[in-house]
Amino acid sequence: MPVTCVQGDLLNQDVDVIVNAWNRNIIPWWLLLPQGVSGAIKRRGGTGPFKELAKMGPIPLGEARLTGPGRLPFKAIIHVAGINGWWRASEFSIRESVRNATTLARQKGFRSMAFPLIGGHSGGFNPKRSKEIILDELEKIEKPPEVIVVEFSG
């Protein structure tokens, strides 16, 4: 299935599930200043998904966890540990995040999902390179859900 790339707002996509580029879930969510996708989710969707996520404990780098959508119109949110403890993304963390998020989406029966540019802004990674890595990794996945890669334009 082809991947669609768009410029816009991740939270405005017509998909079953969105991917939140999160951290390793070691620092309590309520101590963090809202940034990027996480900040937008918190502002528009409420704190529910983050409270749910907090109960799951630390997340290994590149792994994915599923929560409810809060007040957002999606079926769920997949949070990926796309940045390390120093708040930096790497090619490894981006590739693993894409692989684990799509696997989780397939396991849960979601037919469509939207990715931000993981690590491409607050994760200190070059957004153009993040997009290249995401697209490359999606090409390697057999039968992924329908995917939209969203480059934020505010």
C-alpha atoms as a PDB file:
ATOM      1  CA  MET A   1       0.000   0.000   0.000  1.00  0.00           C
ATOM      2  CA  PRO A   2       1.449   3.402  -0.919  1.00  0.00           C
ATOM      3  CA  VAL A   3       2.484   5.880   1.721  1.00  0.00           C
ATOM      4  CA  THR A   4       1.052   9.389   1.494  1.00  0.00           C
ATOM      5  CA  CYS A   5       3.153  12.369   2.555  1.00  0.00           C
ATOM      6  CA  VAL A   6       1.368  15.564   3.501  1.00  0.00           C
ATOM      7  CA  GLN A   7       2.079  18.887   5.142  1.00  0.00           C
ATOM      8  CA  GLY A   8      -0.317  19.798   7.903  1.00  0.00           C
ATOM      9  CA  ASP A   9      -1.346  18.861  11.403  1.00  0.00           C
ATOM     10  CA  LEU A  10      -1.045  15.249  12.582  1.00  0.00           C
ATOM     11  CA  LEU A  11      -4.167  15.681  14.707  1.00  0.00           C
ATOM     12  CA  ASN A  12      -6.272  16.604  11.669  1.00  0.00           C
ATOM     13  CA  GLN A  13      -5.648  13.372   9.745  1.00  0.00           C
ATOM     14  CA  ASP A  14      -8.511  10.987   8.960  1.00  0.00           C
ATOM     15  CA  VAL A  15      -6.933   7.787  10.309  1.00  0.00           C
ATOM     16  CA  ASP A  16      -7.637   5.123  12.914  1.00  0.00           C
ATOM     17  CA  VAL A  17      -4.546   5.825  14.988  1.00  0.00           C
ATOM     18  CA  ILE A  18      -1.815   8.447  15.271  1.00  0.00           C
ATOM     19  CA  VAL A  19       1.777   7.997  16.380  1.00  0.00           C
ATOM     20  CA  ASN A  20       3.138  10.209  19.137  1.00  0.00           C
ATOM     21  CA  ALA A  21       6.907  10.643  19.124  1.00  0.00           C
ATOM     22  CA  TRP A  22       7.450  10.259  22.864  1.00  0.00           C
ATOM     23  CA  ASN A  23      10.399   9.700  25.155  1.00  0.00           C
ATOM     24  CA  ARG A  24      11.467   6.663  27.152  1.00  0.00           C
ATOM     25  CA  ASN A  25       8.739   7.405  29.729  1.00  0.00           C
ATOM     26  CA  ILE A  26      11.205   7.749  32.599  1.00  0.00           C
ATOM     27  CA  ILE A  27      10.424  11.336  33.632  1.00  0.00           C
ATOM     28  CA  PRO A  28       6.823  11.844  34.803  1.00  0.00           C
ATOM     29  CA  TRP A  29       4.726  13.341  32.010  1.00  0.00           C
ATOM     30  CA  TRP A  30       3.451  16.144  34.219  1.00  0.00           C
ATOM     31  CA  LEU A  31       7.006  17.455  34.705  1.00  0.00           C
ATOM     32  CA  LEU A  32       7.552  17.840  30.966  1.00  0.00           C
ATOM     33  CA  LEU A  33       6.806  21.021  29.034  1.00  0.00           C
ATOM     34  CA  PRO A  34       4.418  20.258  26.174  1.00  0.00           C
ATOM     35  CA  GLN A  35       6.276  20.254  22.852  1.00  0.00           C
ATOM     36  CA  GLY A  36       5.533  19.154  19.327  1.00  0.00           C
ATOM     37  CA  VAL A  37       3.040  16.338  18.850  1.00  0.00           C
ATOM     38  CA  SER A  38       2.888  15.520  22.562  1.00  0.00           C
ATOM     39  CA  GLY A  39       2.075  19.117  23.401  1.00  0.00           C
ATOM     40  CA  ALA A  40      -0.676  19.225  20.787  1.00  0.00           C
ATOM     41  CA  ILE A  41      -2.151  15.954  22.057  1.00  0.00           C
ATOM     42  CA  LYS A  42      -2.128  17.254  25.624  1.00  0.00           C
ATOM     43  CA  ARG A  43      -3.759  20.574  24.639  1.00  0.00           C
ATOM     44  CA  ARG A  44      -6.446  19.118  22.363  1.00  0.00           C
ATOM     45  CA  GLY A  45      -6.862  15.580  23.663  1.00  0.00           C
ATOM     46  CA  GLY A  46      -6.337  16.087  27.378  1.00  0.00           C
ATOM     47  CA  THR A  47      -4.017  14.374  29.829  1.00  0.00           C
ATOM     48  CA  GLY A  48      -5.774  10.996  29.782  1.00  0.00           C
ATOM     49  CA  PRO A  49      -3.434   9.314  27.280  1.00  0.00           C
ATOM     50  CA  PHE A  50      -0.378  10.456  29.268  1.00  0.00           C
ATOM     51  CA  LYS A  51      -1.806   9.258  32.583  1.00  0.00           C
ATOM     52  CA  GLU A  52      -2.463   5.895  30.949  1.00  0.00           C
ATOM     53  CA  LEU A  53       1.039   5.831  29.482  1.00  0.00           C
ATOM     54  CA  ALA A  54       2.622   6.670  32.850  1.00  0.00           C
ATOM     55  CA  LYS A  55       1.250   3.421  34.302  1.00  0.00           C
ATOM     56  CA  MET A  56       3.237   1.432  31.732  1.00  0.00           C
ATOM     57  CA  GLY A  57       6.656   2.354  33.121  1.00  0.00           C
ATOM     58  CA  PRO A  58       9.863   2.904  31.139  1.00  0.00           C
ATOM     59  CA  ILE A  59       9.778   2.186  27.427  1.00  0.00           C
ATOM     60  CA  PRO A  60      12.855   0.735  25.701  1.00  0.00           C
ATOM     61  CA  LEU A  61      14.211   2.976  22.944  1.00  0.00           C
ATOM     62  CA  GLY A  62      12.232   2.484  19.730  1.00  0.00           C
ATOM     63  CA  GLU A  63       9.414   0.487  21.331  1.00  0.00           C
ATOM     64  CA  ALA A  64       5.722   1.365  21.062  1.00  0.00           C
ATOM     65  CA  ARG A  65       2.833   1.514  23.542  1.00  0.00           C
ATOM     66  CA  LEU A  66      -0.901   1.926  22.918  1.00  0.00           C
ATOM     67  CA  THR A  67      -3.255   4.214  24.845  1.00  0.00           C
ATOM     68  CA  GLY A  68      -6.724   5.567  24.377  1.00  0.00           C
ATOM     69  CA  PRO A  69      -7.125   8.774  22.362  1.00  0.00           C
ATOM     70  CA  GLY A  70      -8.366  11.057  25.116  1.00  0.00           C
ATOM     71  CA  ARG A  71     -10.690  13.628  23.547  1.00  0.00           C
ATOM     72  CA  LEU A  72      -9.187  13.136  20.079  1.00  0.00           C
ATOM     73  CA  PRO A  73     -11.268  11.510  17.297  1.00  0.00           C
ATOM     74  CA  PHE A  74      -8.968   8.513  16.824  1.00  0.00           C
ATOM     75  CA  LYS A  75      -9.377   4.930  18.003  1.00  0.00           C
ATOM     76  CA  ALA A  76      -6.070   5.100  19.878  1.00  0.00           C
ATOM     77  CA  ILE A  77      -2.631   6.679  20.096  1.00  0.00           C
ATOM     78  CA  ILE A  78       0.584   4.729  19.589  1.00  0.00           C
ATOM     79  CA  HIS A  79       3.410   6.313  21.590  1.00  0.00           C
ATOM     80  CA  VAL A  80       6.931   5.485  20.429  1.00  0.00           C
ATOM     81  CA  ALA A  81      10.132   6.006  22.402  1.00  0.00           C
ATOM     82  CA  GLY A  82      11.729   7.907  19.536  1.00  0.00           C
ATOM     83  CA  ILE A  83      14.173   9.901  21.626  1.00  0.00           C
ATOM     84  CA  ASN A  84      16.744   8.797  24.164  1.00  0.00           C
ATOM     85  CA  GLY A  85      17.387  10.063  27.687  1.00  0.00           C
ATOM     86  CA  TRP A  86      19.298  13.053  26.287  1.00  0.00           C
ATOM     87  CA  TRP A  87      16.265  14.068  24.206  1.00  0.00           C
ATOM     88  CA  ARG A  88      17.914  13.058  20.946  1.00  0.00           C
ATOM     89  CA  ALA A  89      16.667  10.815  18.170  1.00  0.00           C
ATOM     90  CA  SER A  90      18.885   8.554  16.089  1.00  0.00           C
ATOM     91  CA  GLU A  91      18.469   6.530  12.940  1.00  0.00           C
ATOM     92  CA  PHE A  92      18.131   3.447  15.152  1.00  0.00           C
ATOM     93  CA  SER A  93      15.388   4.964  17.326  1.00  0.00           C
ATOM     94  CA  ILE A  94      13.447   6.193  14.288  1.00  0.00           C
ATOM     95  CA  ARG A  95      13.632   2.871  12.413  1.00  0.00           C
ATOM     96  CA  GLU A  96      12.668   0.866  15.505  1.00  0.00           C
ATOM     97  CA  SER A  97       9.823   3.260  16.271  1.00  0.00           C
ATOM     98  CA  VAL A  98       8.384   2.886  12.764  1.00  0.00           C
ATOM     99  CA  ARG A  99       8.743  -0.892  12.803  1.00  0.00           C
ATOM    100  CA  ASN A 100       7.211  -1.307  16.268  1.00  0.00           C
ATOM    101  CA  ALA A 101       4.386   1.180  15.692  1.00  0.00           C
ATOM    102  CA  THR A 102       3.280  -0.497  12.456  1.00  0.00           C
ATOM    103  CA  THR A 103       3.514  -3.929  14.068  1.00  0.00           C
ATOM    104  CA  LEU A 104       1.328  -2.784  16.961  1.00  0.00           C
ATOM    105  CA  ALA A 105      -1.169  -1.163  14.573  1.00  0.00           C
ATOM    106  CA  ARG A 106      -1.451  -4.403  12.586  1.00  0.00           C
ATOM    107  CA  GLN A 107      -1.830  -6.483  15.755  1.00  0.00           C
ATOM    108  CA  LYS A 108      -4.693  -4.265  16.918  1.00  0.00           C
ATOM    109  CA  GLY A 109      -6.405  -4.307  13.522  1.00  0.00           C
ATOM    110  CA  PHE A 110      -5.994  -0.628  12.672  1.00  0.00           C
ATOM    111  CA  ARG A 111      -6.278  -0.009   8.949  1.00  0.00           C
ATOM    112  CA  SER A 112      -4.762   3.463   8.829  1.00  0.00           C
ATOM    113  CA  MET A 113      -2.205   5.448  10.781  1.00  0.00           C
ATOM    114  CA  ALA A 114      -0.378   8.765  10.675  1.00  0.00           C
ATOM    115  CA  PHE A 115       3.247   9.386  11.648  1.00  0.00           C
ATOM    116  CA  PRO A 116       4.943  12.662  12.511  1.00  0.00           C
ATOM    117  CA  LEU A 117       8.594  13.153  11.592  1.00  0.00           C
ATOM    118  CA  ILE A 118       9.937  11.201  14.583  1.00  0.00           C
ATOM    119  CA  GLY A 119      12.739  13.136  16.256  1.00  0.00           C
ATOM    120  CA  GLY A 120      12.597  15.679  13.453  1.00  0.00           C
ATOM    121  CA  HIS A 121      12.219  18.740  15.622  1.00  0.00           C
ATOM    122  CA  SER A 122      12.331  18.529  19.407  1.00  0.00           C
ATOM    123  CA  GLY A 123      14.369  15.313  19.077  1.00  0.00           C
ATOM    124  CA  GLY A 124      17.253  17.231  17.504  1.00  0.00           C
ATOM    125  CA  PHE A 125      17.222  15.144  14.304  1.00  0.00           C
ATOM    126  CA  ASN A 126      17.177  16.616  10.801  1.00  0.00           C
ATOM    127  CA  PRO A 127      13.500  16.567   9.679  1.00  0.00           C
ATOM    128  CA  LYS A 128      14.365  15.776   6.041  1.00  0.00           C
ATOM    129  CA  ARG A 129      16.530  12.828   7.116  1.00  0.00           C
ATOM    130  CA  SER A 130      13.843  11.641   9.552  1.00  0.00           C
ATOM    131  CA  LYS A 131      11.338  11.531   6.698  1.00  0.00           C
ATOM    132  CA  GLU A 132      13.784   9.591   4.491  1.00  0.00           C
ATOM    133  CA  ILE A 133      14.343   7.015   7.249  1.00  0.00           C
ATOM    134  CA  ILE A 134      10.617   6.656   7.950  1.00  0.00           C
ATOM    135  CA  LEU A 135       9.818   6.134   4.267  1.00  0.00           C
ATOM    136  CA  ASP A 136      12.702   3.689   3.839  1.00  0.00           C
ATOM    137  CA  GLU A 137      11.587   1.660   6.836  1.00  0.00           C
ATOM    138  CA  LEU A 138       7.954   1.613   5.698  1.00  0.00           C
ATOM    139  CA  GLU A 139       9.053   0.182   2.331  1.00  0.00           C
ATOM    140  CA  LYS A 140      10.535  -2.809   4.170  1.00  0.00           C
ATOM    141  CA  ILE A 141       7.339  -3.634   6.056  1.00  0.00           C
ATOM    142  CA  GLU A 142       5.130  -6.269   4.532  1.00  0.00           C
ATOM    143  CA  LYS A 143       1.484  -5.213   4.385  1.00  0.00           C
ATOM    144  CA  PRO A 144       1.582  -2.145   6.621  1.00  0.00           C
ATOM    145  CA  PRO A 145      -1.655  -0.314   7.363  1.00  0.00           C
ATOM    146  CA  GLU A 146      -2.411   2.685   5.154  1.00  0.00           C
ATOM    147  CA  VAL A 147       0.139   5.274   6.270  1.00  0.00           C
ATOM    148  CA  ILE A 148       0.263   9.063   6.149  1.00  0.00           C
ATOM    149  CA  VAL A 149       3.546  10.775   7.019  1.00  0.00           C
ATOM    150  CA  VAL A 150       2.808  14.290   8.217  1.00  0.00           C
ATOM    151  CA  GLU A 151       5.259  17.168   8.042  1.00  0.00           C
ATOM    152  CA  PHE A 152       3.969  19.791  10.445  1.00  0.00           C
ATOM    153  CA  SER A 153       3.020  23.129   8.988  1.00  0.00           C
ATOM    154  CA  GLY A 154       1.546  25.491  11.518  1.00  0.00           C
END
